[in-house]
Amino acid sequence: MFARSLLVEDITIERASEDHLRHLAADTLTGLANYRTLSETLESEIKRSDRTGRAFAVLIFDLNGMKRINETHGHLEGDRALCRLAEIFHFSCRSIDTVARYRGDEFAIILPETGAKEADAVARRICERLSNDHERPLLSVSIGIAVYPDDCTTMDAFLRRMRM
């Protein structure tokens, strides 16, 4: 009986620890991965791609007019706009993709084993879903696509490109 109690306690502690780590890895508003998780995943994908010879893509999104949304509709509605976009990302991506909010109104999606053509299709799918979202205020995004190793060959190059 005592051994069973210790096992339950160990599992409880382990789950609490895992929950805490997940919380640290996520953006608190949108629930998406944060910058730290994004950079770790990016580094991991570069290593995997170097091993396998398979490309991967990164989509970079900037929510247009965020300042105007906050000034016109208030910060609560601005937060809601970020969450709406996060939800569209969630429904547009595969479970193996990493979707992250890495700065204010800027997002990135890492698409493992994906080339430029497939990344463009994901970007178009996201834009289509966004155009079908008729909730106010209407949202639009600016998008960039980078493919490893064609466009960027190091993690620093990806991160610099994301800051542009």
C-alpha atoms as a PDB file:
ATOM      1  CA  MET A   1       0.000   0.000   0.000  1.00  0.00           C
ATOM      2  CA  PHE A   2       2.834   2.392   0.878  1.00  0.00           C
ATOM      3  CA  ALA A   3       4.619   1.711  -2.457  1.00  0.00           C
ATOM      4  CA  ARG A   4       1.412   2.431  -4.373  1.00  0.00           C
ATOM      5  CA  SER A   5       1.033   5.730  -2.523  1.00  0.00           C
ATOM      6  CA  LEU A   6       4.572   6.738  -3.462  1.00  0.00           C
ATOM      7  CA  LEU A   7       3.910   5.866  -7.103  1.00  0.00           C
ATOM      8  CA  VAL A   8       0.774   8.022  -7.173  1.00  0.00           C
ATOM      9  CA  GLU A   9       2.684  10.866  -5.524  1.00  0.00           C
ATOM     10  CA  ASP A  10       5.561  10.524  -8.033  1.00  0.00           C
ATOM     11  CA  ILE A  11       3.147  10.633 -10.969  1.00  0.00           C
ATOM     12  CA  THR A  12       1.356  13.651  -9.490  1.00  0.00           C
ATOM     13  CA  ILE A  13       4.629  15.521  -9.052  1.00  0.00           C
ATOM     14  CA  GLU A  14       5.722  14.567 -12.570  1.00  0.00           C
ATOM     15  CA  ARG A  15       2.441  15.787 -14.101  1.00  0.00           C
ATOM     16  CA  ALA A  16       2.614  19.052 -12.167  1.00  0.00           C
ATOM     17  CA  SER A  17       6.175  19.529 -13.417  1.00  0.00           C
ATOM     18  CA  GLU A  18       5.112  18.825 -17.020  1.00  0.00           C
ATOM     19  CA  ASP A  19       2.200  21.289 -16.701  1.00  0.00           C
ATOM     20  CA  HIS A  20       4.603  23.930 -15.375  1.00  0.00           C
ATOM     21  CA  LEU A  21       7.012  23.378 -18.288  1.00  0.00           C
ATOM     22  CA  ARG A  22       4.156  23.576 -20.810  1.00  0.00           C
ATOM     23  CA  HIS A  23       3.065  26.849 -19.204  1.00  0.00           C
ATOM     24  CA  LEU A  24       6.590  28.263 -19.519  1.00  0.00           C
ATOM     25  CA  ALA A  25       6.703  27.242 -23.190  1.00  0.00           C
ATOM     26  CA  ALA A  26       3.412  28.927 -24.123  1.00  0.00           C
ATOM     27  CA  ASP A  27       2.259  32.456 -24.749  1.00  0.00           C
ATOM     28  CA  THR A  28      -0.190  33.168 -21.933  1.00  0.00           C
ATOM     29  CA  LEU A  29      -2.719  35.047 -24.079  1.00  0.00           C
ATOM     30  CA  THR A  30      -2.997  32.838 -27.167  1.00  0.00           C
ATOM     31  CA  GLY A  31      -1.789  29.500 -25.815  1.00  0.00           C
ATOM     32  CA  LEU A  32       0.634  29.254 -28.739  1.00  0.00           C
ATOM     33  CA  ALA A  33       4.306  28.456 -28.333  1.00  0.00           C
ATOM     34  CA  ASN A  34       6.458  31.385 -27.237  1.00  0.00           C
ATOM     35  CA  TYR A  35       9.747  32.761 -28.578  1.00  0.00           C
ATOM     36  CA  ARG A  36      11.818  30.380 -26.498  1.00  0.00           C
ATOM     37  CA  THR A  37      10.005  27.323 -27.849  1.00  0.00           C
ATOM     38  CA  LEU A  38      10.160  28.755 -31.354  1.00  0.00           C
ATOM     39  CA  SER A  39      13.932  29.188 -31.263  1.00  0.00           C
ATOM     40  CA  GLU A  40      14.476  25.721 -29.743  1.00  0.00           C
ATOM     41  CA  THR A  41      12.259  24.115 -32.387  1.00  0.00           C
ATOM     42  CA  LEU A  42      13.958  26.072 -35.146  1.00  0.00           C
ATOM     43  CA  GLU A  43      17.370  24.872 -33.977  1.00  0.00           C
ATOM     44  CA  SER A  44      16.084  21.290 -33.798  1.00  0.00           C
ATOM     45  CA  GLU A  45      14.607  21.479 -37.314  1.00  0.00           C
ATOM     46  CA  ILE A  46      17.873  22.782 -38.738  1.00  0.00           C
ATOM     47  CA  LYS A  47      19.721  19.817 -37.226  1.00  0.00           C
ATOM     48  CA  ARG A  48      17.073  17.376 -38.472  1.00  0.00           C
ATOM     49  CA  SER A  49      17.157  18.863 -41.951  1.00  0.00           C
ATOM     50  CA  ASP A  50      20.953  18.666 -42.037  1.00  0.00           C
ATOM     51  CA  ARG A  51      20.739  14.967 -41.086  1.00  0.00           C
ATOM     52  CA  THR A  52      17.937  14.003 -43.477  1.00  0.00           C
ATOM     53  CA  GLY A  53      18.455  16.422 -46.353  1.00  0.00           C
ATOM     54  CA  ARG A  54      14.771  17.382 -46.202  1.00  0.00           C
ATOM     55  CA  ALA A  55      13.784  21.029 -46.296  1.00  0.00           C
ATOM     56  CA  PHE A  56      11.479  22.794 -43.874  1.00  0.00           C
ATOM     57  CA  ALA A  57       9.684  26.112 -44.115  1.00  0.00           C
ATOM     58  CA  VAL A  58       8.890  28.951 -41.771  1.00  0.00           C
ATOM     59  CA  LEU A  59       5.897  31.218 -42.305  1.00  0.00           C
ATOM     60  CA  ILE A  60       6.123  34.637 -40.677  1.00  0.00           C
ATOM     61  CA  PHE A  61       2.946  36.613 -39.974  1.00  0.00           C
ATOM     62  CA  ASP A  62       2.394  40.181 -38.869  1.00  0.00           C
ATOM     63  CA  LEU A  63      -1.145  41.166 -37.874  1.00  0.00           C
ATOM     64  CA  ASN A  64      -1.852  44.359 -39.819  1.00  0.00           C
ATOM     65  CA  GLY A  65      -3.286  47.382 -38.021  1.00  0.00           C
ATOM     66  CA  MET A  66      -2.883  46.107 -34.462  1.00  0.00           C
ATOM     67  CA  LYS A  67      -2.203  49.605 -33.126  1.00  0.00           C
ATOM     68  CA  ARG A  68      -5.354  50.894 -34.827  1.00  0.00           C
ATOM     69  CA  ILE A  69      -7.416  48.007 -33.416  1.00  0.00           C
ATOM     70  CA  ASN A  70      -6.193  48.768 -29.891  1.00  0.00           C
ATOM     71  CA  GLU A  71      -6.799  52.515 -30.274  1.00  0.00           C
ATOM     72  CA  THR A  72     -10.222  52.179 -31.912  1.00  0.00           C
ATOM     73  CA  HIS A  73     -11.700  49.130 -30.170  1.00  0.00           C
ATOM     74  CA  GLY A  74      -9.624  48.884 -26.996  1.00  0.00           C
ATOM     75  CA  HIS A  75      -6.931  46.501 -25.808  1.00  0.00           C
ATOM     76  CA  LEU A  76      -9.412  43.803 -24.832  1.00  0.00           C
ATOM     77  CA  GLU A  77     -10.589  43.643 -28.452  1.00  0.00           C
ATOM     78  CA  GLY A  78      -6.939  43.720 -29.573  1.00  0.00           C
ATOM     79  CA  ASP A  79      -6.271  40.683 -27.395  1.00  0.00           C
ATOM     80  CA  ARG A  80      -9.334  39.005 -28.878  1.00  0.00           C
ATOM     81  CA  ALA A  81      -7.981  39.703 -32.391  1.00  0.00           C
ATOM     82  CA  LEU A  82      -4.705  37.953 -31.498  1.00  0.00           C
ATOM     83  CA  CYS A  83      -6.662  34.967 -30.155  1.00  0.00           C
ATOM     84  CA  ARG A  84      -8.850  34.820 -33.274  1.00  0.00           C
ATOM     85  CA  LEU A  85      -5.742  34.660 -35.441  1.00  0.00           C
ATOM     86  CA  ALA A  86      -4.206  31.993 -33.185  1.00  0.00           C
ATOM     87  CA  GLU A  87      -7.363  29.923 -33.602  1.00  0.00           C
ATOM     88  CA  ILE A  88      -7.131  30.177 -37.395  1.00  0.00           C
ATOM     89  CA  PHE A  89      -3.503  29.042 -37.224  1.00  0.00           C
ATOM     90  CA  HIS A  90      -4.544  26.093 -35.063  1.00  0.00           C
ATOM     91  CA  PHE A  91      -7.140  24.900 -37.579  1.00  0.00           C
ATOM     92  CA  SER A  92      -4.840  25.461 -40.566  1.00  0.00           C
ATOM     93  CA  CYS A  93      -1.781  23.523 -39.404  1.00  0.00           C
ATOM     94  CA  ARG A  94      -0.761  19.936 -38.822  1.00  0.00           C
ATOM     95  CA  SER A  95      -0.050  18.552 -35.391  1.00  0.00           C
ATOM     96  CA  ILE A  96       3.685  18.378 -36.233  1.00  0.00           C
ATOM     97  CA  ASP A  97       3.858  22.097 -37.053  1.00  0.00           C
ATOM     98  CA  THR A  98       4.968  24.609 -34.418  1.00  0.00           C
ATOM     99  CA  VAL A  99       2.875  27.758 -34.230  1.00  0.00           C
ATOM    100  CA  ALA A 100       4.329  30.527 -32.085  1.00  0.00           C
ATOM    101  CA  ARG A 101       3.668  34.093 -31.073  1.00  0.00           C
ATOM    102  CA  TYR A 102       7.140  35.511 -30.861  1.00  0.00           C
ATOM    103  CA  ARG A 103       6.535  39.267 -30.490  1.00  0.00           C
ATOM    104  CA  GLY A 104       3.420  41.388 -29.891  1.00  0.00           C
ATOM    105  CA  ASP A 105       1.454  40.936 -33.105  1.00  0.00           C
ATOM    106  CA  GLU A 106       4.008  38.729 -34.876  1.00  0.00           C
ATOM    107  CA  PHE A 107       3.724  34.979 -35.330  1.00  0.00           C
ATOM    108  CA  ALA A 108       5.729  32.187 -36.933  1.00  0.00           C
ATOM    109  CA  ILE A 109       4.861  28.686 -38.047  1.00  0.00           C
ATOM    110  CA  ILE A 110       7.555  26.049 -38.500  1.00  0.00           C
ATOM    111  CA  LEU A 111       6.497  23.489 -41.115  1.00  0.00           C
ATOM    112  CA  PRO A 112       8.707  20.367 -40.946  1.00  0.00           C
ATOM    113  CA  GLU A 113       9.482  18.575 -44.211  1.00  0.00           C
ATOM    114  CA  THR A 114       7.801  21.309 -46.223  1.00  0.00           C
ATOM    115  CA  GLY A 115       9.026  23.112 -49.330  1.00  0.00           C
ATOM    116  CA  ALA A 116       8.100  26.516 -50.726  1.00  0.00           C
ATOM    117  CA  LYS A 117       5.093  25.289 -52.724  1.00  0.00           C
ATOM    118  CA  GLU A 118       3.507  23.526 -49.738  1.00  0.00           C
ATOM    119  CA  ALA A 119       4.280  26.471 -47.424  1.00  0.00           C
ATOM    120  CA  ASP A 120       2.574  28.793 -49.894  1.00  0.00           C
ATOM    121  CA  ALA A 121      -0.497  26.525 -49.815  1.00  0.00           C
ATOM    122  CA  VAL A 122      -0.610  26.745 -45.997  1.00  0.00           C
ATOM    123  CA  ALA A 123      -0.296  30.551 -46.167  1.00  0.00           C
ATOM    124  CA  ARG A 124      -3.149  30.694 -48.701  1.00  0.00           C
ATOM    125  CA  ARG A 125      -5.315  28.434 -46.522  1.00  0.00           C
ATOM    126  CA  ILE A 126      -4.747  30.740 -43.554  1.00  0.00           C
ATOM    127  CA  CYS A 127      -5.595  33.815 -45.651  1.00  0.00           C
ATOM    128  CA  GLU A 128      -8.750  32.135 -46.929  1.00  0.00           C
ATOM    129  CA  ARG A 129      -9.899  31.286 -43.403  1.00  0.00           C
ATOM    130  CA  LEU A 130      -9.079  34.817 -42.302  1.00  0.00           C
ATOM    131  CA  SER A 131     -11.131  36.285 -45.164  1.00  0.00           C
ATOM    132  CA  ASN A 132     -14.090  34.086 -44.146  1.00  0.00           C
ATOM    133  CA  ASP A 133     -13.918  35.384 -40.568  1.00  0.00           C
ATOM    134  CA  HIS A 134     -16.502  38.162 -40.571  1.00  0.00           C
ATOM    135  CA  GLU A 135     -16.130  39.055 -36.904  1.00  0.00           C
ATOM    136  CA  ARG A 136     -15.289  42.713 -36.279  1.00  0.00           C
ATOM    137  CA  PRO A 137     -12.767  44.153 -36.500  1.00  0.00           C
ATOM    138  CA  LEU A 138     -11.768  42.479 -39.731  1.00  0.00           C
ATOM    139  CA  LEU A 139      -8.231  41.125 -39.644  1.00  0.00           C
ATOM    140  CA  SER A 140      -5.485  40.935 -42.255  1.00  0.00           C
ATOM    141  CA  VAL A 141      -1.879  39.764 -42.160  1.00  0.00           C
ATOM    142  CA  SER A 142       1.398  40.322 -43.947  1.00  0.00           C
ATOM    143  CA  ILE A 143       3.206  37.046 -44.648  1.00  0.00           C
ATOM    144  CA  GLY A 144       6.780  36.026 -45.311  1.00  0.00           C
ATOM    145  CA  ILE A 145       8.057  32.560 -46.233  1.00  0.00           C
ATOM    146  CA  ALA A 146      11.566  31.211 -45.699  1.00  0.00           C
ATOM    147  CA  VAL A 147      12.722  27.712 -46.635  1.00  0.00           C
ATOM    148  CA  TYR A 148      15.746  25.947 -45.160  1.00  0.00           C
ATOM    149  CA  PRO A 149      18.335  25.617 -46.634  1.00  0.00           C
ATOM    150  CA  ASP A 150      17.372  27.639 -49.734  1.00  0.00           C
ATOM    151  CA  ASP A 151      16.622  30.988 -48.064  1.00  0.00           C
ATOM    152  CA  CYS A 152      18.369  30.723 -44.698  1.00  0.00           C
ATOM    153  CA  THR A 153      21.128  28.412 -43.555  1.00  0.00           C
ATOM    154  CA  THR A 154      21.473  29.220 -39.856  1.00  0.00           C
ATOM    155  CA  MET A 155      19.182  29.863 -36.927  1.00  0.00           C
ATOM    156  CA  ASP A 156      20.526  33.429 -36.676  1.00  0.00           C
ATOM    157  CA  ALA A 157      19.628  34.039 -40.334  1.00  0.00           C
ATOM    158  CA  PHE A 158      16.062  32.840 -39.700  1.00  0.00           C
ATOM    159  CA  LEU A 159      15.726  35.011 -36.614  1.00  0.00           C
ATOM    160  CA  ARG A 160      17.116  38.068 -38.452  1.00  0.00           C
ATOM    161  CA  ARG A 161      14.678  37.484 -41.295  1.00  0.00           C
ATOM    162  CA  MET A 162      11.829  37.263 -38.799  1.00  0.00           C
ATOM    163  CA  ARG A 163      12.795  40.646 -37.344  1.00  0.00           C
ATOM    164  CA  MET A 164      12.508  42.412 -40.702  1.00  0.00           C
END
